[in-house]
Amino acid sequence: MTDRSHLYPALRYRDPRAAIDFLVNAFGFSVHAIHEGPSGGIAHAELRLGDGLIMVGTLDPAFAAEGRTVTGGTSGIYVSVAYVDAHHDRAAAAGAVVTRPLADTDYGSREYSCRDSEGYEWSFGTYDPLANPIDDIV
């Protein structure tokens, strides 16, 4: 039996509509689905980038009151892209805050990191762990 597991990061934003606009304009995502809640806010949205998909929703005010905000952690998201230089230029032009400049790595990737409109840390690069695991490189 084959494991059919897939990974779909779920991100919560204070202003999910603005975040979706940013992710589409800066990073090249496309809107797959948007489901509004009874009050007209976004209850759940899905954005695609190539074969990948993320889920977006509204940050619960109770979580924010507990300090559970988008910038409160140390996690980040890595996305493999074919044309990282062009991706970097698009993201920077759309207002992404570059936190690690575009550079070549010692394991053969070209990559950069940035923050989105609400502070999530994203890294984009040419390294694809499924196509070329680091164990095969080292």
Protein backbone atom coordinates (compact mmCIF):
# COMPACT_ATOMS: atom_id res chain seq x y z
CA MET A 1 0.00 0.00 0.00
CA THR A 2 1.35 3.43 -0.98
CA ASP A 3 1.24 6.33 1.46
CA ARG A 4 -0.78 9.14 -0.13
CA SER A 5 0.28 11.82 2.33
CA HIS A 6 0.54 15.40 1.11
CA LEU A 7 1.72 18.49 2.94
CA TYR A 8 -0.44 21.63 2.89
CA PRO A 9 0.78 24.46 5.12
CA ALA A 10 -2.07 26.38 6.75
CA LEU A 11 -1.32 30.05 7.40
CA ARG A 12 -3.46 32.42 9.45
CA TYR A 13 -3.42 36.14 8.68
CA ARG A 14 -4.90 39.19 10.40
CA ASP A 15 -6.03 40.42 6.96
CA PRO A 16 -6.30 37.33 4.74
CA ARG A 17 -7.68 39.22 1.72
CA ALA A 18 -4.64 41.51 1.68
CA ALA A 19 -2.36 38.52 2.28
CA ILE A 20 -3.88 36.63 -0.66
CA ASP A 21 -3.37 39.66 -2.91
CA PHE A 22 0.25 39.87 -1.75
CA LEU A 23 0.94 36.14 -2.24
CA VAL A 24 -0.53 36.27 -5.75
CA ASN A 25 1.32 39.45 -6.78
CA ALA A 26 4.66 38.87 -5.05
CA PHE A 27 5.12 35.10 -5.14
CA GLY A 28 3.03 34.02 -8.13
CA PHE A 29 0.34 31.99 -6.34
CA SER A 30 -3.05 31.56 -8.00
CA VAL A 31 -6.35 31.39 -6.16
CA HIS A 32 -7.72 27.84 -6.11
CA ALA A 33 -10.68 28.46 -3.78
CA ILE A 34 -12.02 31.08 -1.40
CA HIS A 35 -14.77 30.27 1.10
CA GLU A 36 -16.31 33.17 2.98
CA GLY A 37 -17.70 32.91 6.49
CA PRO A 38 -21.12 34.18 7.57
CA SER A 39 -19.75 37.66 8.33
CA GLY A 40 -18.14 37.97 4.89
CA GLY A 41 -14.60 37.28 6.11
CA ILE A 42 -12.44 34.53 4.71
CA ALA A 43 -13.11 31.26 6.52
CA HIS A 44 -10.79 29.23 4.27
CA ALA A 45 -8.83 29.82 1.08
CA GLU A 46 -6.54 27.67 -1.02
CA LEU A 47 -3.70 29.04 -3.16
CA ARG A 48 -1.67 27.07 -5.68
CA LEU A 49 1.90 27.42 -6.85
CA GLY A 50 2.84 24.75 -9.39
CA ASP A 51 1.93 21.40 -7.83
CA GLY A 52 1.90 22.89 -4.32
CA LEU A 53 -0.98 24.30 -2.34
CA ILE A 54 -1.28 26.35 0.85
CA MET A 55 -4.36 27.05 2.91
CA VAL A 56 -5.07 30.56 4.19
CA GLY A 57 -7.47 31.69 6.87
CA THR A 58 -8.18 34.43 9.36
CA LEU A 59 -6.10 34.64 12.53
CA ASP A 60 -8.42 34.05 15.49
CA PRO A 61 -8.30 37.13 17.75
CA ALA A 62 -8.08 34.82 20.79
CA PHE A 63 -4.84 33.36 19.37
CA ALA A 64 -3.47 36.84 18.80
CA ALA A 65 -4.33 37.76 22.41
CA GLU A 66 -2.27 34.73 23.56
CA GLY A 67 0.69 35.95 21.50
CA ARG A 68 0.14 33.32 18.82
CA THR A 69 0.68 35.65 15.88
CA VAL A 70 2.22 35.05 12.49
CA THR A 71 5.56 36.53 13.50
CA GLY A 72 5.77 34.84 16.91
CA GLY A 73 7.56 31.68 15.79
CA THR A 74 10.78 30.55 14.21
CA SER A 75 9.33 28.49 11.39
CA GLY A 76 9.53 29.22 7.69
CA ILE A 77 8.37 27.85 4.36
CA TYR A 78 10.72 26.70 1.59
CA VAL A 79 9.50 26.68 -2.02
CA SER A 80 11.46 25.22 -4.93
CA VAL A 81 11.18 27.39 -8.04
CA ALA A 82 12.82 27.03 -11.45
CA TYR A 83 13.71 30.69 -12.05
CA VAL A 84 14.72 32.01 -8.65
CA ASP A 85 16.33 35.25 -9.91
CA ALA A 86 13.12 36.33 -11.65
CA HIS A 87 11.10 35.20 -8.63
CA HIS A 88 13.30 37.30 -6.33
CA ASP A 89 12.89 40.38 -8.52
CA ARG A 90 9.09 39.96 -8.65
CA ALA A 91 8.82 39.50 -4.87
CA ALA A 92 11.05 42.49 -4.09
CA ALA A 93 9.15 44.70 -6.56
CA ALA A 94 5.87 43.71 -4.87
CA GLY A 95 7.14 44.73 -1.44
CA ALA A 96 8.49 41.51 0.06
CA VAL A 97 11.16 42.29 2.67
CA VAL A 98 14.27 40.38 1.62
CA THR A 99 15.92 38.92 4.73
CA ARG A 100 18.61 36.82 3.01
CA PRO A 101 19.93 38.05 -0.33
CA LEU A 102 19.92 35.96 -3.47
CA ALA A 103 23.03 33.73 -3.40
CA ASP A 104 24.45 30.39 -4.45
CA THR A 105 24.82 27.75 -1.72
CA ASP A 106 27.53 25.16 -1.19
CA TYR A 107 24.97 22.39 -1.88
CA GLY A 108 24.19 23.62 -5.40
CA SER A 109 21.08 25.71 -4.87
CA ARG A 110 20.48 29.36 -5.65
CA GLU A 111 18.09 30.91 -3.15
CA TYR A 112 16.87 33.85 -1.09
CA SER A 113 14.57 34.50 1.87
CA CYS A 114 11.97 37.18 2.51
CA ARG A 115 8.98 38.08 4.66
CA ASP A 116 5.47 38.43 3.36
CA SER A 117 2.99 41.20 4.15
CA GLU A 118 2.37 39.94 7.71
CA GLY A 119 5.81 38.63 8.58
CA TYR A 120 5.83 34.98 7.56
CA GLU A 121 9.34 33.90 6.54
CA TRP A 122 9.59 32.35 3.06
CA SER A 123 12.63 30.92 1.29
CA PHE A 124 12.70 30.31 -2.44
CA GLY A 125 15.39 28.41 -4.28
CA THR A 126 16.33 25.93 -6.96
CA TYR A 127 16.96 23.07 -4.52
CA ASP A 128 14.28 20.38 -4.79
CA PRO A 129 14.67 17.80 -2.02
CA LEU A 130 12.52 15.20 -3.80
CA ALA A 131 14.42 15.45 -7.08
CA ASN A 132 17.92 15.78 -5.62
CA PRO A 133 18.26 14.97 -1.89
CA ILE A 134 21.22 16.53 -0.07
CA ASP A 135 22.46 13.01 0.84
CA ASP A 136 23.07 12.45 -2.89
CA ILE A 137 24.99 15.75 -3.13
CA VAL A 138 27.25 15.47 -0.09
